[in-house]
Amino acid sequence: MTRALTCAKTPKELVEEEASYDEQAWMLHALAAYHASSKQTQVSKFQAKAFASLWANRDKLNAYTRALLALAAHKLGYQDQAKTLVENLENGVKLDARPDTAVVQRGAQASDPSVLATAHWGEDGIYWRWSDGGVEATSFALRALLEIDPQNKLVEPVTNWLIKNRRGAQWNNTRDTAIVVL
């Protein structure tokens, strides 16, 4: 972890990434993970400023970036903001209570009650930004739910969606697979 931090961008660059929410949230998440693992009690002024910037713009964040910010808030000790961000994630979830029902055929047979619902974030098909991918966005949102609100009603359907969207023993690519597994 220490070696990774020496390669990471400087704290000043963390603040300079204000226009790139994805990158700023990713860097803040990494620094917050180090902050928590090293038992630091003080949040640096750069971390606080980056968090404040992302928090002020949270309505503009996609699910992936919002999940990273929720995890960072949790690790930096901003528990109220972390809970609010989880609520924001809940509001933007794509929930399918009956994933076994045909959408095309009207009057199709009723859903089997034993089939578990699914829930996910991100784009289902083609996406332009890496942070809009469904597998990565859903994985980080699940991680945020498990750390901040482990009893959340979405944990099971989100896990079910991730399992159903696997291709054999992997997801879409190596990065997706690594993020889901970690």
N, C-alpha and C. Protein backbone atom coordinates (compact mmCIF):
# COMPACT_ATOMS: atom_id res chain seq x y z
N MET A 1 0.83 -1.18 0.00
CA MET A 1 0.00 0.00 0.00
C MET A 1 0.88 1.25 0.00
N THR A 2 1.94 1.23 0.79
CA THR A 2 2.82 2.39 0.86
C THR A 2 3.48 2.63 -0.49
N ARG A 3 3.91 1.55 -1.16
CA ARG A 3 4.50 1.70 -2.50
C ARG A 3 3.51 2.30 -3.47
N ALA A 4 2.27 1.89 -3.36
CA ALA A 4 1.24 2.42 -4.27
C ALA A 4 1.04 3.91 -4.05
N LEU A 5 1.11 4.33 -2.79
CA LEU A 5 0.93 5.75 -2.50
C LEU A 5 2.07 6.60 -3.05
N THR A 6 3.28 6.06 -3.07
CA THR A 6 4.39 6.83 -3.62
C THR A 6 4.23 7.01 -5.13
N CYS A 7 3.53 6.11 -5.78
CA CYS A 7 3.28 6.22 -7.22
C CYS A 7 2.03 7.04 -7.51
N ALA A 8 1.20 7.22 -6.50
CA ALA A 8 -0.06 7.92 -6.70
C ALA A 8 0.18 9.40 -6.93
N LYS A 9 -0.84 10.04 -7.41
CA LYS A 9 -0.75 11.48 -7.63
C LYS A 9 -0.63 12.20 -6.30
N THR A 10 -0.08 13.40 -6.34
CA THR A 10 0.09 14.18 -5.12
C THR A 10 -1.27 14.63 -4.60
N PRO A 11 -1.34 14.98 -3.30
CA PRO A 11 -2.61 15.45 -2.76
C PRO A 11 -3.15 16.67 -3.50
N LYS A 12 -2.24 17.52 -3.99
CA LYS A 12 -2.67 18.69 -4.75
C LYS A 12 -3.41 18.26 -6.02
N GLU A 13 -2.91 17.22 -6.67
CA GLU A 13 -3.56 16.73 -7.89
C GLU A 13 -4.95 16.15 -7.60
N LEU A 14 -5.14 15.66 -6.39
CA LEU A 14 -6.46 15.17 -5.99
C LEU A 14 -7.49 16.28 -6.11
N VAL A 15 -7.13 17.47 -5.66
CA VAL A 15 -8.04 18.61 -5.71
C VAL A 15 -8.16 19.13 -7.14
N GLU A 16 -7.07 19.06 -7.90
CA GLU A 16 -7.08 19.57 -9.27
C GLU A 16 -7.96 18.74 -10.21
N GLU A 17 -8.36 17.56 -9.81
CA GLU A 17 -9.21 16.70 -10.63
C GLU A 17 -10.69 17.02 -10.46
N GLU A 18 -11.03 18.22 -9.99
CA GLU A 18 -12.42 18.57 -9.73
C GLU A 18 -13.33 18.41 -10.94
N ALA A 19 -12.79 18.59 -12.13
CA ALA A 19 -13.62 18.49 -13.34
C ALA A 19 -13.84 17.03 -13.76
N SER A 20 -13.02 16.14 -13.23
CA SER A 20 -13.14 14.71 -13.57
C SER A 20 -13.61 13.96 -12.33
N TYR A 21 -14.92 13.89 -12.16
CA TYR A 21 -15.48 13.29 -10.96
C TYR A 21 -15.05 11.84 -10.78
N ASP A 22 -15.03 11.08 -11.88
CA ASP A 22 -14.65 9.67 -11.80
C ASP A 22 -13.25 9.51 -11.22
N GLU A 23 -12.31 10.25 -11.80
CA GLU A 23 -10.92 10.11 -11.36
C GLU A 23 -10.73 10.64 -9.94
N GLN A 24 -11.36 11.76 -9.63
CA GLN A 24 -11.23 12.31 -8.28
C GLN A 24 -11.81 11.35 -7.24
N ALA A 25 -12.95 10.76 -7.54
CA ALA A 25 -13.55 9.80 -6.60
C ALA A 25 -12.69 8.55 -6.46
N TRP A 26 -12.11 8.09 -7.56
CA TRP A 26 -11.23 6.91 -7.51
C TRP A 26 -10.02 7.19 -6.63
N MET A 27 -9.39 8.36 -6.82
CA MET A 27 -8.21 8.71 -6.01
C MET A 27 -8.60 8.88 -4.54
N LEU A 28 -9.72 9.55 -4.29
CA LEU A 28 -10.16 9.75 -2.91
C LEU A 28 -10.48 8.41 -2.25
N HIS A 29 -11.10 7.51 -2.99
CA HIS A 29 -11.40 6.17 -2.47
C HIS A 29 -10.11 5.45 -2.08
N ALA A 30 -9.09 5.50 -2.94
CA ALA A 30 -7.81 4.85 -2.65
C ALA A 30 -7.14 5.46 -1.43
N LEU A 31 -7.14 6.78 -1.35
CA LEU A 31 -6.53 7.45 -0.20
C LEU A 31 -7.32 7.17 1.08
N ALA A 32 -8.63 7.10 0.98
CA ALA A 32 -9.46 6.81 2.15
C ALA A 32 -9.22 5.38 2.64
N ALA A 33 -9.01 4.45 1.72
CA ALA A 33 -8.71 3.06 2.11
C ALA A 33 -7.39 3.02 2.87
N TYR A 34 -6.40 3.75 2.40
CA TYR A 34 -5.13 3.83 3.11
C TYR A 34 -5.32 4.51 4.47
N HIS A 35 -6.10 5.58 4.48
CA HIS A 35 -6.41 6.32 5.70
C HIS A 35 -6.99 5.38 6.76
N ALA A 36 -7.93 4.55 6.36
CA ALA A 36 -8.58 3.63 7.30
C ALA A 36 -7.64 2.51 7.73
N SER A 37 -6.88 1.96 6.78
CA SER A 37 -6.00 0.83 7.12
C SER A 37 -4.82 1.24 7.99
N SER A 38 -4.41 2.49 7.89
CA SER A 38 -3.28 2.96 8.70
C SER A 38 -3.75 3.62 9.99
N LYS A 39 -5.04 3.53 10.26
CA LYS A 39 -5.65 4.03 11.51
C LYS A 39 -5.43 5.53 11.72
N GLN A 40 -5.39 6.29 10.62
CA GLN A 40 -5.25 7.75 10.73
C GLN A 40 -6.57 8.32 11.24
N THR A 41 -6.46 9.35 12.05
CA THR A 41 -7.67 9.97 12.59
C THR A 41 -7.96 11.33 11.96
N GLN A 42 -6.97 11.95 11.37
CA GLN A 42 -7.15 13.26 10.75
C GLN A 42 -7.31 13.13 9.25
N VAL A 43 -8.29 13.81 8.71
CA VAL A 43 -8.49 13.87 7.26
C VAL A 43 -7.68 15.06 6.75
N SER A 44 -6.86 14.85 5.73
CA SER A 44 -6.04 15.95 5.22
C SER A 44 -6.92 17.02 4.58
N LYS A 45 -6.38 18.22 4.48
CA LYS A 45 -7.16 19.31 3.89
C LYS A 45 -7.48 19.02 2.42
N PHE A 46 -6.57 18.32 1.72
CA PHE A 46 -6.83 17.97 0.33
C PHE A 46 -7.94 16.93 0.22
N GLN A 47 -7.93 15.95 1.11
CA GLN A 47 -9.00 14.94 1.11
C GLN A 47 -10.34 15.60 1.44
N ALA A 48 -10.33 16.48 2.44
CA ALA A 48 -11.57 17.17 2.84
C ALA A 48 -12.10 18.03 1.70
N LYS A 49 -11.20 18.73 1.00
CA LYS A 49 -11.63 19.59 -0.10
C LYS A 49 -12.17 18.75 -1.26
N ALA A 50 -11.48 17.66 -1.59
CA ALA A 50 -11.95 16.78 -2.67
C ALA A 50 -13.31 16.18 -2.31
N PHE A 51 -13.46 15.75 -1.05
CA PHE A 51 -14.74 15.19 -0.62
C PHE A 51 -15.84 16.25 -0.73
N ALA A 52 -15.56 17.46 -0.26
CA ALA A 52 -16.55 18.54 -0.30
C ALA A 52 -16.97 18.84 -1.74
N SER A 53 -16.01 18.83 -2.66
CA SER A 53 -16.31 19.08 -4.07
C SER A 53 -17.21 17.99 -4.64
N LEU A 54 -16.86 16.74 -4.39
CA LEU A 54 -17.67 15.63 -4.89
C LEU A 54 -19.05 15.62 -4.23
N TRP A 55 -19.09 15.90 -2.94
CA TRP A 55 -20.36 15.92 -2.22
C TRP A 55 -21.28 16.99 -2.80
N ALA A 56 -20.72 18.17 -3.09
CA ALA A 56 -21.52 19.26 -3.65
C ALA A 56 -22.06 18.91 -5.04
N ASN A 57 -21.36 18.05 -5.74
CA ASN A 57 -21.76 17.67 -7.10
C ASN A 57 -22.34 16.26 -7.18
N ARG A 58 -22.79 15.71 -6.06
CA ARG A 58 -23.22 14.31 -6.04
C ARG A 58 -24.39 14.02 -6.96
N ASP A 59 -25.20 15.03 -7.28
CA ASP A 59 -26.31 14.81 -8.21
C ASP A 59 -25.83 14.56 -9.63
N LYS A 60 -24.59 14.96 -9.93
CA LYS A 60 -24.02 14.78 -11.27
C LYS A 60 -23.24 13.47 -11.39
N LEU A 61 -23.08 12.75 -10.29
CA LEU A 61 -22.27 11.54 -10.29
C LEU A 61 -23.08 10.34 -10.77
N ASN A 62 -22.42 9.47 -11.51
CA ASN A 62 -23.07 8.21 -11.88
C ASN A 62 -22.97 7.25 -10.69
N ALA A 63 -23.58 6.10 -10.81
CA ALA A 63 -23.64 5.16 -9.68
C ALA A 63 -22.26 4.69 -9.25
N TYR A 64 -21.38 4.45 -10.20
CA TYR A 64 -20.03 3.98 -9.90
C TYR A 64 -19.30 5.00 -9.03
N THR A 65 -19.32 6.25 -9.47
CA THR A 65 -18.63 7.32 -8.76
C THR A 65 -19.29 7.59 -7.41
N ARG A 66 -20.59 7.52 -7.36
CA ARG A 66 -21.32 7.71 -6.10
C ARG A 66 -20.97 6.60 -5.10
N ALA A 67 -20.82 5.38 -5.58
CA ALA A 67 -20.44 4.26 -4.70
C ALA A 67 -19.02 4.47 -4.17
N LEU A 68 -18.10 4.91 -5.04
CA LEU A 68 -16.74 5.20 -4.58
C LEU A 68 -16.75 6.30 -3.52
N LEU A 69 -17.56 7.33 -3.74
CA LEU A 69 -17.65 8.42 -2.77
C LEU A 69 -18.25 7.93 -1.46
N ALA A 70 -19.24 7.06 -1.52
CA ALA A 70 -19.83 6.50 -0.30
C ALA A 70 -18.80 5.71 0.49
N LEU A 71 -18.01 4.90 -0.20
CA LEU A 71 -16.95 4.13 0.46
C LEU A 71 -15.91 5.05 1.08
N ALA A 72 -15.52 6.09 0.34
CA ALA A 72 -14.55 7.06 0.87
C ALA A 72 -15.12 7.77 2.10
N ALA A 73 -16.37 8.20 2.02
CA ALA A 73 -17.01 8.87 3.16
C ALA A 73 -17.00 7.97 4.39
N HIS A 74 -17.34 6.72 4.19
CA HIS A 74 -17.37 5.76 5.29
C HIS A 74 -15.99 5.61 5.93
N LYS A 75 -14.97 5.47 5.10
CA LYS A 75 -13.61 5.26 5.61
C LYS A 75 -13.01 6.53 6.23
N LEU A 76 -13.48 7.70 5.78
CA LEU A 76 -12.97 8.96 6.33
C LEU A 76 -13.76 9.41 7.55
N GLY A 77 -14.82 8.68 7.89
CA GLY A 77 -15.58 9.00 9.09
C GLY A 77 -16.79 9.89 8.87
N TYR A 78 -17.17 10.12 7.62
CA TYR A 78 -18.35 10.92 7.31
C TYR A 78 -19.56 9.99 7.20
N GLN A 79 -20.00 9.47 8.32
CA GLN A 79 -21.03 8.42 8.31
C GLN A 79 -22.39 8.90 7.79
N ASP A 80 -22.79 10.11 8.16
CA ASP A 80 -24.09 10.61 7.68
C ASP A 80 -24.11 10.76 6.16
N GLN A 81 -23.01 11.30 5.61
CA GLN A 81 -22.93 11.44 4.16
C GLN A 81 -22.88 10.07 3.48
N ALA A 82 -22.19 9.12 4.10
CA ALA A 82 -22.11 7.77 3.53
C ALA A 82 -23.51 7.16 3.45
N LYS A 83 -24.30 7.32 4.50
CA LYS A 83 -25.67 6.78 4.50
C LYS A 83 -26.55 7.47 3.46
N THR A 84 -26.37 8.78 3.32
CA THR A 84 -27.12 9.52 2.30
C THR A 84 -26.77 9.03 0.90
N LEU A 85 -25.49 8.78 0.66
CA LEU A 85 -25.06 8.28 -0.64
C LEU A 85 -25.61 6.88 -0.92
N VAL A 86 -25.72 6.05 0.10
CA VAL A 86 -26.34 4.73 -0.07
C VAL A 86 -27.82 4.90 -0.44
N GLU A 87 -28.49 5.85 0.21
CA GLU A 87 -29.89 6.13 -0.14
C GLU A 87 -30.00 6.61 -1.59
N ASN A 88 -29.04 7.46 -2.01
CA ASN A 88 -29.01 7.91 -3.41
C ASN A 88 -28.83 6.73 -4.36
N LEU A 89 -27.97 5.79 -3.99
CA LEU A 89 -27.78 4.59 -4.81
C LEU A 89 -29.09 3.79 -4.89
N GLU A 90 -29.77 3.65 -3.76
CA GLU A 90 -31.05 2.92 -3.75
C GLU A 90 -32.05 3.56 -4.70
N ASN A 91 -32.04 4.89 -4.76
CA ASN A 91 -32.99 5.60 -5.62
C ASN A 91 -32.70 5.39 -7.11
N GLY A 92 -31.46 5.08 -7.46
CA GLY A 92 -31.10 4.93 -8.86
C GLY A 92 -30.95 3.51 -9.34
N VAL A 93 -31.31 2.55 -8.51
CA VAL A 93 -31.12 1.14 -8.87
C VAL A 93 -32.12 0.71 -9.95
N LYS A 94 -31.69 -0.21 -10.79
CA LYS A 94 -32.57 -0.82 -11.78
C LYS A 94 -32.98 -2.18 -11.22
N LEU A 95 -34.21 -2.25 -10.73
CA LEU A 95 -34.70 -3.45 -10.05
C LEU A 95 -35.63 -4.23 -10.97
N ASP A 96 -35.40 -5.52 -11.06
CA ASP A 96 -36.27 -6.42 -11.83
C ASP A 96 -36.78 -7.48 -10.86
N ALA A 97 -38.01 -7.28 -10.39
CA ALA A 97 -38.58 -8.19 -9.41
C ALA A 97 -38.94 -9.54 -10.02
N ARG A 98 -39.12 -9.57 -11.36
CA ARG A 98 -39.50 -10.81 -12.04
C ARG A 98 -38.60 -11.04 -13.26
N PRO A 99 -37.35 -11.40 -13.05
CA PRO A 99 -36.43 -11.55 -14.18
C PRO A 99 -36.72 -12.73 -15.10
N ASP A 100 -37.64 -13.59 -14.72
CA ASP A 100 -37.95 -14.75 -15.56
C ASP A 100 -39.18 -14.54 -16.44
N THR A 101 -39.78 -13.35 -16.40
CA THR A 101 -40.98 -13.07 -17.18
C THR A 101 -40.60 -12.47 -18.53
N ALA A 102 -41.20 -12.94 -19.59
CA ALA A 102 -40.93 -12.42 -20.93
C ALA A 102 -41.46 -11.01 -21.06
N VAL A 103 -40.66 -10.14 -21.63
CA VAL A 103 -41.07 -8.77 -21.84
C VAL A 103 -41.82 -8.64 -23.17
N VAL A 104 -41.46 -9.45 -24.14
CA VAL A 104 -42.00 -9.35 -25.49
C VAL A 104 -43.41 -9.92 -25.58
N GLN A 105 -43.64 -11.02 -24.95
CA GLN A 105 -44.89 -11.75 -25.11
C GLN A 105 -45.92 -11.33 -24.06
N ARG A 106 -46.99 -10.71 -24.53
CA ARG A 106 -48.07 -10.33 -23.62
C ARG A 106 -48.81 -11.59 -23.18
N GLY A 107 -49.23 -11.60 -21.93
CA GLY A 107 -49.98 -12.73 -21.42
C GLY A 107 -49.11 -13.94 -21.14
N ALA A 108 -47.80 -13.73 -21.04
CA ALA A 108 -46.90 -14.84 -20.72
C ALA A 108 -47.22 -15.34 -19.32
N GLN A 109 -46.82 -16.56 -19.05
CA GLN A 109 -47.15 -17.14 -17.75
C GLN A 109 -46.56 -16.30 -16.62
N ALA A 110 -47.19 -16.39 -15.48
CA ALA A 110 -46.76 -15.62 -14.32
C ALA A 110 -45.37 -16.05 -13.87
N SER A 111 -44.73 -15.14 -13.20
CA SER A 111 -43.38 -15.39 -12.70
C SER A 111 -43.38 -16.47 -11.63
N ASP A 112 -42.35 -17.28 -11.64
CA ASP A 112 -42.17 -18.32 -10.62
C ASP A 112 -41.73 -17.65 -9.33
N PRO A 113 -42.44 -17.86 -8.23
CA PRO A 113 -42.09 -17.19 -6.97
C PRO A 113 -40.71 -17.57 -6.42
N SER A 114 -40.16 -18.68 -6.89
CA SER A 114 -38.85 -19.09 -6.38
C SER A 114 -37.70 -18.36 -7.08
N VAL A 115 -37.99 -17.62 -8.15
CA VAL A 115 -36.96 -16.89 -8.88
C VAL A 115 -36.64 -15.61 -8.12
N LEU A 116 -35.35 -15.41 -7.86
CA LEU A 116 -34.91 -14.23 -7.12
C LEU A 116 -34.88 -12.99 -8.00
N ALA A 117 -35.22 -11.87 -7.42
CA ALA A 117 -35.16 -10.59 -8.12
C ALA A 117 -33.70 -10.24 -8.41
N THR A 118 -33.51 -9.33 -9.36
CA THR A 118 -32.17 -8.82 -9.64
C THR A 118 -32.19 -7.30 -9.53
N ALA A 119 -31.04 -6.73 -9.26
CA ALA A 119 -30.89 -5.28 -9.18
C ALA A 119 -29.48 -4.92 -9.62
N HIS A 120 -29.36 -3.82 -10.35
CA HIS A 120 -28.04 -3.39 -10.80
C HIS A 120 -28.02 -1.90 -11.10
N TRP A 121 -26.82 -1.40 -11.32
CA TRP A 121 -26.58 -0.02 -11.72
C TRP A 121 -25.76 -0.05 -13.00
N GLY A 122 -25.61 1.09 -13.64
CA GLY A 122 -24.80 1.19 -14.85
C GLY A 122 -25.60 0.84 -16.09
N GLU A 123 -24.91 0.89 -17.21
CA GLU A 123 -25.54 0.63 -18.50
C GLU A 123 -25.63 -0.86 -18.78
N ASP A 124 -26.69 -1.25 -19.46
CA ASP A 124 -26.89 -2.66 -19.81
C ASP A 124 -26.14 -3.05 -21.07
N GLY A 125 -26.00 -2.16 -21.99
CA GLY A 125 -25.39 -2.50 -23.27
C GLY A 125 -24.09 -1.75 -23.48
N ILE A 126 -24.06 -0.97 -24.54
CA ILE A 126 -22.85 -0.22 -24.90
C ILE A 126 -22.76 1.02 -24.02
N TYR A 127 -21.56 1.32 -23.59
CA TYR A 127 -21.33 2.52 -22.79
C TYR A 127 -20.01 3.14 -23.24
N TRP A 128 -19.91 4.45 -23.03
CA TRP A 128 -18.74 5.17 -23.52
C TRP A 128 -17.66 5.34 -22.46
N ARG A 129 -18.05 5.53 -21.23
CA ARG A 129 -17.08 5.75 -20.16
C ARG A 129 -16.97 4.48 -19.33
N TRP A 130 -15.76 4.16 -18.90
CA TRP A 130 -15.53 2.95 -18.11
C TRP A 130 -16.38 2.93 -16.85
N SER A 131 -16.70 4.08 -16.31
CA SER A 131 -17.46 4.13 -15.07
C SER A 131 -18.95 3.89 -15.27
N ASP A 132 -19.38 3.76 -16.51
CA ASP A 132 -20.80 3.49 -16.78
C ASP A 132 -21.11 2.01 -16.96
N GLY A 133 -20.09 1.16 -16.94
CA GLY A 133 -20.30 -0.28 -17.13
C GLY A 133 -21.10 -0.89 -15.99
N GLY A 134 -22.05 -1.73 -16.33
CA GLY A 134 -22.93 -2.32 -15.33
C GLY A 134 -22.24 -3.18 -14.30
N VAL A 135 -21.29 -4.00 -14.72
CA VAL A 135 -20.63 -4.91 -13.78
C VAL A 135 -19.81 -4.14 -12.76
N GLU A 136 -18.99 -3.19 -13.22
CA GLU A 136 -18.16 -2.43 -12.28
C GLU A 136 -19.01 -1.55 -11.37
N ALA A 137 -19.98 -0.85 -11.95
CA ALA A 137 -20.84 0.02 -11.14
C ALA A 137 -21.59 -0.79 -10.09
N THR A 138 -22.11 -1.93 -10.49
CA THR A 138 -22.86 -2.78 -9.57
C THR A 138 -21.94 -3.35 -8.49
N SER A 139 -20.74 -3.74 -8.86
CA SER A 139 -19.79 -4.29 -7.89
C SER A 139 -19.44 -3.28 -6.81
N PHE A 140 -19.14 -2.04 -7.23
CA PHE A 140 -18.79 -1.03 -6.23
C PHE A 140 -20.01 -0.61 -5.42
N ALA A 141 -21.18 -0.57 -6.03
CA ALA A 141 -22.39 -0.26 -5.26
C ALA A 141 -22.64 -1.34 -4.22
N LEU A 142 -22.44 -2.61 -4.60
CA LEU A 142 -22.60 -3.71 -3.64
C LEU A 142 -21.59 -3.58 -2.51
N ARG A 143 -20.36 -3.25 -2.85
CA ARG A 143 -19.33 -3.07 -1.82
C ARG A 143 -19.74 -1.96 -0.85
N ALA A 144 -20.29 -0.86 -1.38
CA ALA A 144 -20.75 0.24 -0.52
C ALA A 144 -21.90 -0.22 0.38
N LEU A 145 -22.85 -0.95 -0.19
CA LEU A 145 -23.96 -1.46 0.61
C LEU A 145 -23.46 -2.35 1.74
N LEU A 146 -22.54 -3.26 1.42
CA LEU A 146 -22.05 -4.21 2.42
C LEU A 146 -21.25 -3.53 3.53
N GLU A 147 -20.51 -2.47 3.19
CA GLU A 147 -19.73 -1.78 4.22
C GLU A 147 -20.58 -0.83 5.06
N ILE A 148 -21.52 -0.15 4.44
CA ILE A 148 -22.26 0.91 5.12
C ILE A 148 -23.59 0.41 5.69
N ASP A 149 -24.27 -0.45 4.96
CA ASP A 149 -25.59 -0.95 5.37
C ASP A 149 -25.71 -2.43 5.00
N PRO A 150 -24.99 -3.31 5.73
CA PRO A 150 -24.93 -4.72 5.34
C PRO A 150 -26.28 -5.45 5.33
N GLN A 151 -27.28 -4.94 6.01
CA GLN A 151 -28.59 -5.58 6.04
C GLN A 151 -29.53 -5.02 4.98
N ASN A 152 -29.02 -4.21 4.07
CA ASN A 152 -29.83 -3.57 3.05
C ASN A 152 -30.57 -4.61 2.21
N LYS A 153 -31.81 -4.30 1.89
CA LYS A 153 -32.66 -5.22 1.12
C LYS A 153 -32.16 -5.47 -0.30
N LEU A 154 -31.25 -4.64 -0.79
CA LEU A 154 -30.74 -4.80 -2.16
C LEU A 154 -29.55 -5.75 -2.26
N VAL A 155 -28.96 -6.14 -1.15
CA VAL A 155 -27.75 -6.98 -1.20
C VAL A 155 -28.01 -8.27 -1.97
N GLU A 156 -29.10 -8.96 -1.66
CA GLU A 156 -29.39 -10.24 -2.33
C GLU A 156 -29.68 -10.07 -3.82
N PRO A 157 -30.58 -9.15 -4.23
CA PRO A 157 -30.83 -9.02 -5.67
C PRO A 157 -29.62 -8.53 -6.46
N VAL A 158 -28.79 -7.71 -5.85
CA VAL A 158 -27.58 -7.23 -6.53
C VAL A 158 -26.61 -8.39 -6.73
N THR A 159 -26.42 -9.17 -5.69
CA THR A 159 -25.54 -10.35 -5.80
C THR A 159 -26.07 -11.30 -6.86
N ASN A 160 -27.38 -11.49 -6.89
CA ASN A 160 -28.00 -12.35 -7.89
C ASN A 160 -27.74 -11.84 -9.31
N TRP A 161 -27.85 -10.52 -9.50
CA TRP A 161 -27.60 -9.95 -10.83
C TRP A 161 -26.15 -10.20 -11.26
N LEU A 162 -25.21 -9.99 -10.33
CA LEU A 162 -23.80 -10.21 -10.67
C LEU A 162 -23.56 -11.67 -11.06
N ILE A 163 -24.16 -12.59 -10.33
CA ILE A 163 -23.98 -14.01 -10.65
C ILE A 163 -24.59 -14.33 -12.02
N LYS A 164 -25.77 -13.79 -12.29
CA LYS A 164 -26.43 -14.07 -13.57
C LYS A 164 -25.72 -13.43 -14.76
N ASN A 165 -24.90 -12.43 -14.52
CA ASN A 165 -24.21 -11.75 -15.61
C ASN A 165 -22.77 -12.20 -15.79
N ARG A 166 -22.45 -13.31 -15.20
CA ARG A 166 -21.15 -13.94 -15.39
C ARG A 166 -21.17 -14.72 -16.69
N ARG A 167 -20.03 -14.80 -17.34
CA ARG A 167 -19.89 -15.61 -18.55
C ARG A 167 -18.94 -16.75 -18.22
N GLY A 168 -19.48 -17.87 -17.80
CA GLY A 168 -18.65 -18.98 -17.33
C GLY A 168 -18.07 -18.61 -15.98
N ALA A 169 -16.75 -18.59 -15.89
CA ALA A 169 -16.09 -18.27 -14.63
C ALA A 169 -15.63 -16.82 -14.57
N GLN A 170 -16.08 -15.99 -15.49
CA GLN A 170 -15.61 -14.60 -15.53
C GLN A 170 -16.74 -13.67 -15.95
N TRP A 171 -16.44 -12.38 -15.91
CA TRP A 171 -17.39 -11.38 -16.36
C TRP A 171 -16.93 -10.88 -17.74
N ASN A 172 -17.22 -9.68 -18.10
CA ASN A 172 -16.93 -9.18 -19.46
C ASN A 172 -15.45 -9.14 -19.81
N ASN A 173 -14.62 -8.78 -18.85
CA ASN A 173 -13.19 -8.66 -19.10
C ASN A 173 -12.43 -8.85 -17.79
N THR A 174 -11.12 -8.80 -17.86
CA THR A 174 -10.30 -9.04 -16.68
C THR A 174 -10.56 -8.00 -15.60
N ARG A 175 -10.71 -6.75 -16.00
CA ARG A 175 -10.95 -5.68 -15.03
C ARG A 175 -12.28 -5.91 -14.30
N ASP A 176 -13.34 -6.18 -15.05
CA ASP A 176 -14.64 -6.48 -14.43
C ASP A 176 -14.52 -7.63 -13.44
N THR A 177 -13.86 -8.69 -13.87
CA THR A 177 -13.72 -9.87 -13.02
C THR A 177 -12.96 -9.54 -11.75
N ALA A 178 -11.87 -8.80 -11.88
CA ALA A 178 -11.07 -8.43 -10.70
C ALA A 178 -11.88 -7.57 -9.73
N ILE A 179 -12.63 -6.63 -10.25
CA ILE A 179 -13.40 -5.74 -9.38
C ILE A 179 -14.52 -6.50 -8.68
N VAL A 180 -15.16 -7.43 -9.36
CA VAL A 180 -16.21 -8.22 -8.72
C VAL A 180 -15.62 -9.10 -7.62
N VAL A 181 -14.51 -9.75 -7.92
CA VAL A 181 -13.92 -10.70 -6.98
C VAL A 181 -13.33 -9.99 -5.76
N LEU A 182 -12.75 -8.83 -5.96
CA LEU A 182 -12.15 -8.12 -4.83
C LEU A 182 -13.23 -7.57 -3.94
